[in-house]
Amino acid sequence: MIPPVHMDKKPIVTGFFDEQSNTVSYIVQDPDSTACAIYDPVMEFNAAAGRLTYDGADRLIKFTRNNGLTLEWIIETHVHADHLSGAPYIQDKIGGKIGIGEMVLVVQDTFGKIFNEGTEFQRDGSQFDALFKDGDTYEIGQLPAFALHTPGHTPACMVHVVGDAAFAGDTLFMPDGGSARADFPGGDAGELYDSIQRILRLPEEMRLFICHDYGPGGRAIAWETTVGEQKAANIHVGGGKTREDFIKFRTERDAQLAMPSLIIPSLQVNMRAGEVPADKDGNMVLKVPVNKL
């Protein structure tokens, strides 16, 4: 069941684009207070050098401070496989509670086995400050918000609706970009189609903010659309495309896709709420499982 939608509440939304991963992070402000939330913050990783940098997270911190904002939430729409999360770095600097969907437990169990994590890796979501169930509500200052469970890309995917704006994570791309892949462990093309239909039942005039854009056809990078535009023109699901057609297309398309270049470090870090695993001496280290993905 979808909670009440408050289209009269209009958050101020600012997007920040990360070129390495084509990710868009968002700062969402309550226009009637100093409260804000950050969605899907990025931490850069140079895999060849094994080096972390925080330029993207520092941009978000600078914007928050320069505008006199109070960070209440840092929300991950899912456990990302293409970039590392900057959530704990931001939390350490300016606060905020880190939240994600409760099905992160499934992701932790799946990838805890793939990465052969020991018993010290807790698979109960305790690395996060809040685990959202489908339909859970929360507030950003005076802004009403709620989370919708939208599995298919991953089991833990959620779309967050804040007033007249929805943050779609990887469930949908821009209309000319289509939808996310569904072939990661725990993904399912049929579930993805069903999740997209939940989004398309939201008010057509609702603003929809996507997490990735790749500029199809060479167009400029974009990240804002509407539910109505998606319903009419999304190349994968718009115009009344059937579930069967979507599953066939998505399955064939996913078989042609390479793995994201940062999937191995991203999953290890993001299933820990953005913390990098460490060895017995406290040094940050990452594993490379062979022939597991």
C-alpha atoms as a PDB file:
ATOM      1  CA  MET A   1       0.000   0.000   0.000  1.00  0.00           C
ATOM      2  CA  ILE A   2       1.266   3.461  -0.903  1.00  0.00           C
ATOM      3  CA  PRO A   3       1.021   6.045   1.921  1.00  0.00           C
ATOM      4  CA  PRO A   4      -0.680   9.413   1.260  1.00  0.00           C
ATOM      5  CA  VAL A   5       1.143  11.575  -1.264  1.00  0.00           C
ATOM      6  CA  HIS A   6       1.607  15.265  -0.422  1.00  0.00           C
ATOM      7  CA  MET A   7       1.888  16.987  -3.791  1.00  0.00           C
ATOM      8  CA  ASP A   8       1.478  20.392  -2.105  1.00  0.00           C
ATOM      9  CA  LYS A   9       4.849  19.953  -0.394  1.00  0.00           C
ATOM     10  CA  LYS A  10       7.662  20.969  -2.733  1.00  0.00           C
ATOM     11  CA  PRO A  11      11.197  20.252  -1.553  1.00  0.00           C
ATOM     12  CA  ILE A  12      14.159  22.136  -2.981  1.00  0.00           C
ATOM     13  CA  VAL A  13      16.248  19.566  -4.870  1.00  0.00           C
ATOM     14  CA  THR A  14      19.862  20.061  -5.952  1.00  0.00           C
ATOM     15  CA  GLY A  15      21.659  17.384  -7.983  1.00  0.00           C
ATOM     16  CA  PHE A  16      25.414  16.705  -8.016  1.00  0.00           C
ATOM     17  CA  PHE A  17      26.806  14.613 -10.889  1.00  0.00           C
ATOM     18  CA  ASP A  18      29.770  12.254 -10.468  1.00  0.00           C
ATOM     19  CA  GLU A  19      31.506  11.695 -13.800  1.00  0.00           C
ATOM     20  CA  GLN A  20      33.404   8.544 -12.792  1.00  0.00           C
ATOM     21  CA  SER A  21      30.250   6.551 -12.079  1.00  0.00           C
ATOM     22  CA  ASN A  22      27.589   8.673 -13.839  1.00  0.00           C
ATOM     23  CA  THR A  23      25.843   8.921 -10.473  1.00  0.00           C
ATOM     24  CA  VAL A  24      23.636  11.785  -9.325  1.00  0.00           C
ATOM     25  CA  SER A  25      23.576  12.557  -5.597  1.00  0.00           C
ATOM     26  CA  TYR A  26      20.904  14.841  -4.205  1.00  0.00           C
ATOM     27  CA  ILE A  27      20.511  17.363  -1.426  1.00  0.00           C
ATOM     28  CA  VAL A  28      16.821  17.701  -0.595  1.00  0.00           C
ATOM     29  CA  GLN A  29      15.821  20.749   1.466  1.00  0.00           C
ATOM     30  CA  ASP A  30      12.696  21.513   3.448  1.00  0.00           C
ATOM     31  CA  PRO A  31      11.732  25.007   2.169  1.00  0.00           C
ATOM     32  CA  ASP A  32      10.241  25.864   5.574  1.00  0.00           C
ATOM     33  CA  SER A  33      13.251  25.036   7.754  1.00  0.00           C
ATOM     34  CA  THR A  34      16.997  24.418   7.576  1.00  0.00           C
ATOM     35  CA  ALA A  35      16.519  20.631   7.472  1.00  0.00           C
ATOM     36  CA  CYS A  36      17.854  18.587   4.568  1.00  0.00           C
ATOM     37  CA  ALA A  37      18.652  15.044   3.490  1.00  0.00           C
ATOM     38  CA  ILE A  38      21.304  13.630   1.169  1.00  0.00           C
ATOM     39  CA  TYR A  39      20.476  10.761  -1.178  1.00  0.00           C
ATOM     40  CA  ASP A  40      23.131   8.435  -2.641  1.00  0.00           C
ATOM     41  CA  PRO A  41      26.409  10.245  -1.832  1.00  0.00           C
ATOM     42  CA  VAL A  42      29.543   9.135  -3.711  1.00  0.00           C
ATOM     43  CA  MET A  43      33.093   8.423  -2.569  1.00  0.00           C
ATOM     44  CA  GLU A  44      35.624   8.173  -5.405  1.00  0.00           C
ATOM     45  CA  PHE A  45      37.891   5.153  -5.765  1.00  0.00           C
ATOM     46  CA  ASN A  46      40.876   4.747  -8.074  1.00  0.00           C
ATOM     47  CA  ALA A  47      41.025   0.975  -8.454  1.00  0.00           C
ATOM     48  CA  ALA A  48      44.417   0.922 -10.156  1.00  0.00           C
ATOM     49  CA  ALA A  49      46.036   2.921  -7.346  1.00  0.00           C
ATOM     50  CA  GLY A  50      43.844   1.581  -4.545  1.00  0.00           C
ATOM     51  CA  ARG A  51      43.139   5.156  -3.467  1.00  0.00           C
ATOM     52  CA  LEU A  52      40.006   6.755  -2.000  1.00  0.00           C
ATOM     53  CA  THR A  53      39.149  10.424  -2.444  1.00  0.00           C
ATOM     54  CA  TYR A  54      36.227  12.473  -1.182  1.00  0.00           C
ATOM     55  CA  ASP A  55      35.708  15.275  -3.698  1.00  0.00           C
ATOM     56  CA  GLY A  56      32.040  14.465  -4.285  1.00  0.00           C
ATOM     57  CA  ALA A  57      31.253  14.130  -0.596  1.00  0.00           C
ATOM     58  CA  ASP A  58      33.114  17.369   0.124  1.00  0.00           C
ATOM     59  CA  ARG A  59      30.927  19.171  -2.446  1.00  0.00           C
ATOM     60  CA  LEU A  60      27.826  17.995  -0.603  1.00  0.00           C
ATOM     61  CA  ILE A  61      29.281  19.037   2.753  1.00  0.00           C
ATOM     62  CA  LYS A  62      30.280  22.461   1.420  1.00  0.00           C
ATOM     63  CA  PHE A  63      26.819  23.085  -0.049  1.00  0.00           C
ATOM     64  CA  THR A  64      25.158  22.056   3.207  1.00  0.00           C
ATOM     65  CA  ARG A  65      27.368  24.309   5.307  1.00  0.00           C
ATOM     66  CA  ASN A  66      27.279  27.286   2.928  1.00  0.00           C
ATOM     67  CA  ASN A  67      23.487  27.248   2.919  1.00  0.00           C
ATOM     68  CA  GLY A  68      23.167  26.926   6.682  1.00  0.00           C
ATOM     69  CA  LEU A  69      21.454  23.535   6.413  1.00  0.00           C
ATOM     70  CA  THR A  70      21.037  20.862   9.072  1.00  0.00           C
ATOM     71  CA  LEU A  71      21.577  17.333   7.754  1.00  0.00           C
ATOM     72  CA  GLU A  72      18.990  14.942   9.178  1.00  0.00           C
ATOM     73  CA  TRP A  73      19.252  11.941   6.846  1.00  0.00           C
ATOM     74  CA  ILE A  74      21.781  10.278   4.545  1.00  0.00           C
ATOM     75  CA  ILE A  75      19.794   7.772   2.524  1.00  0.00           C
ATOM     76  CA  GLU A  76      20.950   5.015   0.198  1.00  0.00           C
ATOM     77  CA  THR A  77      18.327   3.953  -2.326  1.00  0.00           C
ATOM     78  CA  HIS A  78      20.052   0.531  -2.471  1.00  0.00           C
ATOM     79  CA  VAL A  79      23.429  -1.192  -2.131  1.00  0.00           C
ATOM     80  CA  HIS A  80      25.145   0.339  -5.140  1.00  0.00           C
ATOM     81  CA  ALA A  81      27.381  -1.764  -7.379  1.00  0.00           C
ATOM     82  CA  ASP A  82      28.969   1.035  -9.405  1.00  0.00           C
ATOM     83  CA  HIS A  83      30.251   3.486  -6.812  1.00  0.00           C
ATOM     84  CA  LEU A  84      31.351   3.573  -3.191  1.00  0.00           C
ATOM     85  CA  SER A  85      29.178   5.400  -0.674  1.00  0.00           C
ATOM     86  CA  GLY A  86      30.381   8.579   0.990  1.00  0.00           C
ATOM     87  CA  ALA A  87      27.783   8.272   3.780  1.00  0.00           C
ATOM     88  CA  PRO A  88      30.043   7.642   6.817  1.00  0.00           C
ATOM     89  CA  TYR A  89      32.503  10.327   5.714  1.00  0.00           C
ATOM     90  CA  ILE A  90      29.669  12.863   5.502  1.00  0.00           C
ATOM     91  CA  GLN A  91      28.111  11.690   8.760  1.00  0.00           C
ATOM     92  CA  ASP A  92      31.416  12.167  10.554  1.00  0.00           C
ATOM     93  CA  LYS A  93      31.638  15.767   9.284  1.00  0.00           C
ATOM     94  CA  ILE A  94      28.048  17.059   9.567  1.00  0.00           C
ATOM     95  CA  GLY A  95      25.890  14.348  11.157  1.00  0.00           C
ATOM     96  CA  GLY A  96      22.710  12.742   9.865  1.00  0.00           C
ATOM     97  CA  LYS A  97      21.286   9.232  10.221  1.00  0.00           C
ATOM     98  CA  ILE A  98      22.195   6.674   7.540  1.00  0.00           C
ATOM     99  CA  GLY A  99      19.182   4.755   6.218  1.00  0.00           C
ATOM    100  CA  ILE A 100      18.545   1.987   3.697  1.00  0.00           C
ATOM    101  CA  GLY A 101      15.850  -0.595   2.938  1.00  0.00           C
ATOM    102  CA  GLU A 102      15.500  -3.499   5.375  1.00  0.00           C
ATOM    103  CA  MET A 103      16.194  -6.015   2.605  1.00  0.00           C
ATOM    104  CA  VAL A 104      19.833  -5.029   2.863  1.00  0.00           C
ATOM    105  CA  LEU A 105      19.957  -8.111   5.107  1.00  0.00           C
ATOM    106  CA  VAL A 106      19.459 -10.276   2.006  1.00  0.00           C
ATOM    107  CA  VAL A 107      22.247  -8.412   0.211  1.00  0.00           C
ATOM    108  CA  GLN A 108      24.559  -8.780   3.206  1.00  0.00           C
ATOM    109  CA  ASP A 109      23.875 -12.506   3.389  1.00  0.00           C
ATOM    110  CA  THR A 110      24.392 -13.012  -0.355  1.00  0.00           C
ATOM    111  CA  PHE A 111      27.602 -11.037  -0.672  1.00  0.00           C
ATOM    112  CA  GLY A 112      28.901 -12.000   2.745  1.00  0.00           C
ATOM    113  CA  LYS A 113      29.168 -15.494   1.273  1.00  0.00           C
ATOM    114  CA  ILE A 114      30.610 -14.343  -2.064  1.00  0.00           C
ATOM    115  CA  PHE A 115      33.324 -12.347  -0.284  1.00  0.00           C
ATOM    116  CA  ASN A 116      33.804 -15.107   2.329  1.00  0.00           C
ATOM    117  CA  GLU A 117      33.327 -12.656   5.189  1.00  0.00           C
ATOM    118  CA  GLY A 118      33.898 -13.973   8.681  1.00  0.00           C
ATOM    119  CA  THR A 119      31.564 -13.888  11.650  1.00  0.00           C
ATOM    120  CA  GLU A 120      32.777 -10.383  12.503  1.00  0.00           C
ATOM    121  CA  PHE A 121      30.742  -9.093   9.557  1.00  0.00           C
ATOM    122  CA  GLN A 122      27.260  -8.626  10.971  1.00  0.00           C
ATOM    123  CA  ARG A 123      24.455  -9.522   8.550  1.00  0.00           C
ATOM    124  CA  ASP A 124      21.689  -7.791  10.514  1.00  0.00           C
ATOM    125  CA  GLY A 125      21.861  -4.300   9.016  1.00  0.00           C
ATOM    126  CA  SER A 126      23.297  -2.913  12.246  1.00  0.00           C
ATOM    127  CA  GLN A 127      25.850  -0.861  10.286  1.00  0.00           C
ATOM    128  CA  PHE A 128      22.972   1.469   9.346  1.00  0.00           C
ATOM    129  CA  ASP A 129      21.050   3.792  11.662  1.00  0.00           C
ATOM    130  CA  ALA A 130      17.654   3.025  10.118  1.00  0.00           C
ATOM    131  CA  LEU A 131      16.206   0.173   8.058  1.00  0.00           C
ATOM    132  CA  PHE A 132      13.098   1.140   6.084  1.00  0.00           C
ATOM    133  CA  LYS A 133      10.192  -1.229   5.527  1.00  0.00           C
ATOM    134  CA  ASP A 134       7.827  -0.812   2.593  1.00  0.00           C
ATOM    135  CA  GLY A 135       5.575   2.147   3.330  1.00  0.00           C
ATOM    136  CA  ASP A 136       7.616   3.492   6.244  1.00  0.00           C
ATOM    137  CA  THR A 137       7.260   7.234   6.714  1.00  0.00           C
ATOM    138  CA  TYR A 138       9.774   9.775   7.980  1.00  0.00           C
ATOM    139  CA  GLU A 139      10.301  13.523   7.913  1.00  0.00           C
ATOM    140  CA  ILE A 140      12.908  15.976   6.677  1.00  0.00           C
ATOM    141  CA  GLY A 141      12.135  18.944   8.885  1.00  0.00           C
ATOM    142  CA  GLN A 142       8.449  19.432   8.123  1.00  0.00           C
ATOM    143  CA  LEU A 143       8.567  17.569   4.815  1.00  0.00           C
ATOM    144  CA  PRO A 144       6.655  14.261   4.801  1.00  0.00           C
ATOM    145  CA  ALA A 145       8.519  11.374   3.170  1.00  0.00           C
ATOM    146  CA  PHE A 146       8.023   7.647   2.709  1.00  0.00           C
ATOM    147  CA  ALA A 147       9.847   4.653   1.255  1.00  0.00           C
ATOM    148  CA  LEU A 148       8.513   2.210  -1.357  1.00  0.00           C
ATOM    149  CA  HIS A 149      10.134  -1.202  -1.743  1.00  0.00           C
ATOM    150  CA  THR A 150      10.989  -1.598  -5.447  1.00  0.00           C
ATOM    151  CA  PRO A 151      13.063  -4.794  -5.847  1.00  0.00           C
ATOM    152  CA  GLY A 152      14.266  -6.214  -9.143  1.00  0.00           C
ATOM    153  CA  HIS A 153      17.571  -4.447  -9.708  1.00  0.00           C
ATOM    154  CA  THR A 154      18.555  -5.536  -6.185  1.00  0.00           C
ATOM    155  CA  PRO A 155      16.463  -6.944  -3.312  1.00  0.00           C
ATOM    156  CA  ALA A 156      17.014  -3.810  -1.212  1.00  0.00           C
ATOM    157  CA  CYS A 157      15.998  -1.145  -3.756  1.00  0.00           C
ATOM    158  CA  MET A 158      13.629   1.551  -2.526  1.00  0.00           C
ATOM    159  CA  VAL A 159      12.117   4.652  -4.074  1.00  0.00           C
ATOM    160  CA  HIS A 160      11.837   7.551  -1.643  1.00  0.00           C
ATOM    161  CA  VAL A 161       8.929   9.963  -2.069  1.00  0.00           C
ATOM    162  CA  VAL A 162       9.375  13.406  -0.501  1.00  0.00           C
ATOM    163  CA  GLY A 163       6.417  15.711  -1.061  1.00  0.00           C
ATOM    164  CA  ASP A 164       6.004  16.090  -4.836  1.00  0.00           C
ATOM    165  CA  ALA A 165       9.422  14.529  -5.581  1.00  0.00           C
ATOM    166  CA  ALA A 166      10.470  10.880  -5.842  1.00  0.00           C
ATOM    167  CA  PHE A 167      14.035   9.546  -5.836  1.00  0.00           C
ATOM    168  CA  ALA A 168      14.080   6.452  -7.996  1.00  0.00           C
ATOM    169  CA  GLY A 169      17.537   5.050  -7.371  1.00  0.00           C
ATOM    170  CA  ASP A 170      18.412   2.635 -10.196  1.00  0.00           C
ATOM    171  CA  THR A 171      14.876   1.339 -10.738  1.00  0.00           C
ATOM    172  CA  LEU A 172      14.256   3.775 -13.608  1.00  0.00           C
ATOM    173  CA  PHE A 173      16.533   5.895 -15.766  1.00  0.00           C
ATOM    174  CA  MET A 174      15.489   8.880 -17.883  1.00  0.00           C
ATOM    175  CA  PRO A 175      12.790   7.981 -20.458  1.00  0.00           C
ATOM    176  CA  ASP A 176      15.374   7.537 -23.239  1.00  0.00           C
ATOM    177  CA  GLY A 177      17.579   5.453 -20.907  1.00  0.00           C
ATOM    178  CA  GLY A 178      14.972   2.913 -19.844  1.00  0.00           C
ATOM    179  CA  SER A 179      15.572   0.805 -16.759  1.00  0.00           C
ATOM    180  CA  ALA A 180      18.295  -0.789 -14.668  1.00  0.00           C
ATOM    181  CA  ARG A 181      19.732  -4.257 -15.226  1.00  0.00           C
ATOM    182  CA  ALA A 182      18.295  -7.166 -13.258  1.00  0.00           C
ATOM    183  CA  ASP A 183      21.013  -9.819 -13.475  1.00  0.00           C
ATOM    184  CA  PHE A 184      22.969  -9.186 -10.280  1.00  0.00           C
ATOM    185  CA  PRO A 185      22.596 -11.832  -7.536  1.00  0.00           C
ATOM    186  CA  GLY A 186      19.118 -11.298  -6.095  1.00  0.00           C
ATOM    187  CA  GLY A 187      17.902  -9.378  -9.138  1.00  0.00           C
ATOM    188  CA  ASP A 188      14.780 -10.346 -11.089  1.00  0.00           C
ATOM    189  CA  ALA A 189      13.387  -8.828 -14.292  1.00  0.00           C
ATOM    190  CA  GLY A 190       9.783  -9.662 -13.425  1.00  0.00           C
ATOM    191  CA  GLU A 191      10.096  -8.049 -10.002  1.00  0.00           C
ATOM    192  CA  LEU A 192      11.685  -5.001 -11.633  1.00  0.00           C
ATOM    193  CA  TYR A 193       8.715  -4.612 -13.990  1.00  0.00           C
ATOM    194  CA  ASP A 194       6.286  -4.883 -11.077  1.00  0.00           C
ATOM    195  CA  SER A 195       8.261  -2.325  -9.086  1.00  0.00           C
ATOM    196  CA  ILE A 196       8.235   0.117 -11.984  1.00  0.00           C
ATOM    197  CA  GLN A 197       4.467  -0.223 -12.207  1.00  0.00           C
ATOM    198  CA  ARG A 198       4.258   0.861  -8.542  1.00  0.00           C
ATOM    199  CA  ILE A 199       6.182   4.004  -9.441  1.00  0.00           C
ATOM    200  CA  LEU A 200       3.983   4.682 -12.466  1.00  0.00           C
ATOM    201  CA  ARG A 201       0.912   4.630 -10.217  1.00  0.00           C
ATOM    202  CA  LEU A 202       2.167   7.734  -8.430  1.00  0.00           C
ATOM    203  CA  PRO A 203       0.676  11.077  -9.580  1.00  0.00           C
ATOM    204  CA  GLU A 204       1.708  11.833 -13.169  1.00  0.00           C
ATOM    205  CA  GLU A 205       2.921  15.325 -12.278  1.00  0.00           C
ATOM    206  CA  MET A 206       5.260  14.028  -9.577  1.00  0.00           C
ATOM    207  CA  ARG A 207       8.881  15.003 -10.175  1.00  0.00           C
ATOM    208  CA  LEU A 208      11.105  11.938 -10.576  1.00  0.00           C
ATOM    209  CA  PHE A 209      14.843  12.126  -9.911  1.00  0.00           C
ATOM    210  CA  ILE A 210      17.035   9.322 -11.200  1.00  0.00           C
ATOM    211  CA  CYS A 211      20.372   8.078  -9.832  1.00  0.00           C
ATOM    212  CA  HIS A 212      22.306   7.551 -13.075  1.00  0.00           C
ATOM    213  CA  ASP A 213      22.419   9.046 -16.534  1.00  0.00           C
ATOM    214  CA  TYR A 214      24.698   8.190 -19.448  1.00  0.00           C
ATOM    215  CA  GLY A 215      23.545  10.753 -22.033  1.00  0.00           C
ATOM    216  CA  PRO A 216      22.060   8.367 -24.630  1.00  0.00           C
ATOM    217  CA  GLY A 217      22.698   9.506 -28.194  1.00  0.00           C
ATOM    218  CA  GLY A 218      25.144  12.124 -26.985  1.00  0.00           C
ATOM    219  CA  ARG A 219      22.542  14.349 -25.306  1.00  0.00           C
ATOM    220  CA  ALA A 220      23.445  16.421 -22.259  1.00  0.00           C
ATOM    221  CA  ILE A 221      23.367  14.670 -18.904  1.00  0.00           C
ATOM    222  CA  ALA A 222      19.929  14.969 -17.258  1.00  0.00           C
ATOM    223  CA  TRP A 223      18.342  13.636 -14.093  1.00  0.00           C
ATOM    224  CA  GLU A 224      14.842  15.060 -13.657  1.00  0.00           C
ATOM    225  CA  THR A 225      11.678  13.814 -15.340  1.00  0.00           C
ATOM    226  CA  THR A 226       8.073  13.110 -14.232  1.00  0.00           C
ATOM    227  CA  VAL A 227       6.007  10.021 -13.644  1.00  0.00           C
ATOM    228  CA  GLY A 228       3.793  11.035 -16.584  1.00  0.00           C
ATOM    229  CA  GLU A 229       6.771  11.325 -18.934  1.00  0.00           C
ATOM    230  CA  GLN A 230       8.000   7.896 -17.882  1.00  0.00           C
ATOM    231  CA  LYS A 231       4.582   6.356 -18.363  1.00  0.00           C
ATOM    232  CA  ALA A 232       4.284   7.777 -21.856  1.00  0.00           C
ATOM    233  CA  ALA A 233       7.820   7.586 -23.201  1.00  0.00           C
ATOM    234  CA  ASN A 234      10.145   5.278 -21.245  1.00  0.00           C
ATOM    235  CA  ILE A 235      11.731   3.094 -23.918  1.00  0.00           C
ATOM    236  CA  HIS A 236      11.544  -0.074 -21.777  1.00  0.00           C
ATOM    237  CA  VAL A 237       8.189   0.215 -20.007  1.00  0.00           C
ATOM    238  CA  GLY A 238       6.325   3.216 -21.420  1.00  0.00           C
ATOM    239  CA  GLY A 239       3.318   3.138 -23.683  1.00  0.00           C
ATOM    240  CA  GLY A 240       1.799   0.067 -22.057  1.00  0.00           C
ATOM    241  CA  LYS A 241       4.617  -2.441 -22.722  1.00  0.00           C
ATOM    242  CA  THR A 242       3.763  -5.841 -21.240  1.00  0.00           C
ATOM    243  CA  ARG A 243       5.498  -7.684 -18.429  1.00  0.00           C
ATOM    244  CA  GLU A 244       6.396 -10.564 -20.766  1.00  0.00           C
ATOM    245  CA  ASP A 245       7.965  -8.236 -23.330  1.00  0.00           C
ATOM    246  CA  PHE A 246       9.945  -6.462 -20.624  1.00  0.00           C
ATOM    247  CA  ILE A 247      11.290  -9.702 -19.128  1.00  0.00           C
ATOM    248  CA  LYS A 248      12.369 -10.946 -22.564  1.00  0.00           C
ATOM    249  CA  PHE A 249      14.066  -7.664 -23.445  1.00  0.00           C
ATOM    250  CA  ARG A 250      15.702  -7.175 -20.055  1.00  0.00           C
ATOM    251  CA  THR A 251      17.044 -10.756 -19.910  1.00  0.00           C
ATOM    252  CA  GLU A 252      18.526 -10.575 -23.416  1.00  0.00           C
ATOM    253  CA  ARG A 253      19.962  -7.114 -22.831  1.00  0.00           C
ATOM    254  CA  ASP A 254      21.532  -7.987 -19.469  1.00  0.00           C
ATOM    255  CA  ALA A 255      23.334 -10.973 -21.003  1.00  0.00           C
ATOM    256  CA  GLN A 256      25.263  -8.497 -23.175  1.00  0.00           C
ATOM    257  CA  LEU A 257      26.338  -6.153 -20.372  1.00  0.00           C
ATOM    258  CA  ALA A 258      29.756  -6.152 -18.730  1.00  0.00           C
ATOM    259  CA  MET A 259      30.024  -5.950 -14.960  1.00  0.00           C
ATOM    260  CA  PRO A 260      30.420  -2.411 -13.556  1.00  0.00           C
ATOM    261  CA  SER A 261      34.098  -1.572 -13.187  1.00  0.00           C
ATOM    262  CA  LEU A 262      33.781  -0.861  -9.449  1.00  0.00           C
ATOM    263  CA  ILE A 263      31.385  -3.661  -8.496  1.00  0.00           C
ATOM    264  CA  ILE A 264      33.882  -5.589  -6.331  1.00  0.00           C
ATOM    265  CA  PRO A 265      34.977  -2.699  -4.090  1.00  0.00           C
ATOM    266  CA  SER A 266      31.512  -1.100  -4.133  1.00  0.00           C
ATOM    267  CA  LEU A 267      29.626  -4.104  -2.779  1.00  0.00           C
ATOM    268  CA  GLN A 268      32.130  -4.781  -0.001  1.00  0.00           C
ATOM    269  CA  VAL A 269      31.974  -1.176   1.155  1.00  0.00           C
ATOM    270  CA  ASN A 270      28.304  -0.386   0.589  1.00  0.00           C
ATOM    271  CA  MET A 271      26.920  -3.450   2.365  1.00  0.00           C
ATOM    272  CA  ARG A 272      28.795  -2.024   5.379  1.00  0.00           C
ATOM    273  CA  ALA A 273      27.047   1.380   5.079  1.00  0.00           C
ATOM    274  CA  GLY A 274      30.097   2.858   3.361  1.00  0.00           C
ATOM    275  CA  GLU A 275      32.758   1.635   5.765  1.00  0.00           C
ATOM    276  CA  VAL A 276      35.837   0.076   4.167  1.00  0.00           C
ATOM    277  CA  PRO A 277      36.734  -3.337   5.657  1.00  0.00           C
ATOM    278  CA  ALA A 278      40.004  -3.546   7.565  1.00  0.00           C
ATOM    279  CA  ASP A 279      42.575  -6.221   8.360  1.00  0.00           C
ATOM    280  CA  LYS A 280      43.627  -7.254  11.869  1.00  0.00           C
ATOM    281  CA  ASP A 281      46.011  -4.274  12.036  1.00  0.00           C
ATOM    282  CA  GLY A 282      43.301  -1.770  11.111  1.00  0.00           C
ATOM    283  CA  ASN A 283      44.476  -1.203   7.532  1.00  0.00           C
ATOM    284  CA  MET A 284      41.734  -0.721   4.952  1.00  0.00           C
ATOM    285  CA  VAL A 285      41.718  -3.723   2.592  1.00  0.00           C
ATOM    286  CA  LEU A 286      39.469  -5.104  -0.141  1.00  0.00           C
ATOM    287  CA  LYS A 287      39.097  -8.675  -1.417  1.00  0.00           C
ATOM    288  CA  VAL A 288      38.893  -9.803  -5.035  1.00  0.00           C
ATOM    289  CA  PRO A 289      36.865 -13.023  -5.250  1.00  0.00           C
ATOM    290  CA  VAL A 290      37.673 -14.940  -8.436  1.00  0.00           C
ATOM    291  CA  ASN A 291      34.919 -16.379 -10.673  1.00  0.00           C
ATOM    292  CA  LYS A 292      32.199 -15.546  -8.136  1.00  0.00           C
ATOM    293  CA  LEU A 293      30.248 -12.852  -9.976  1.00  0.00           C
END
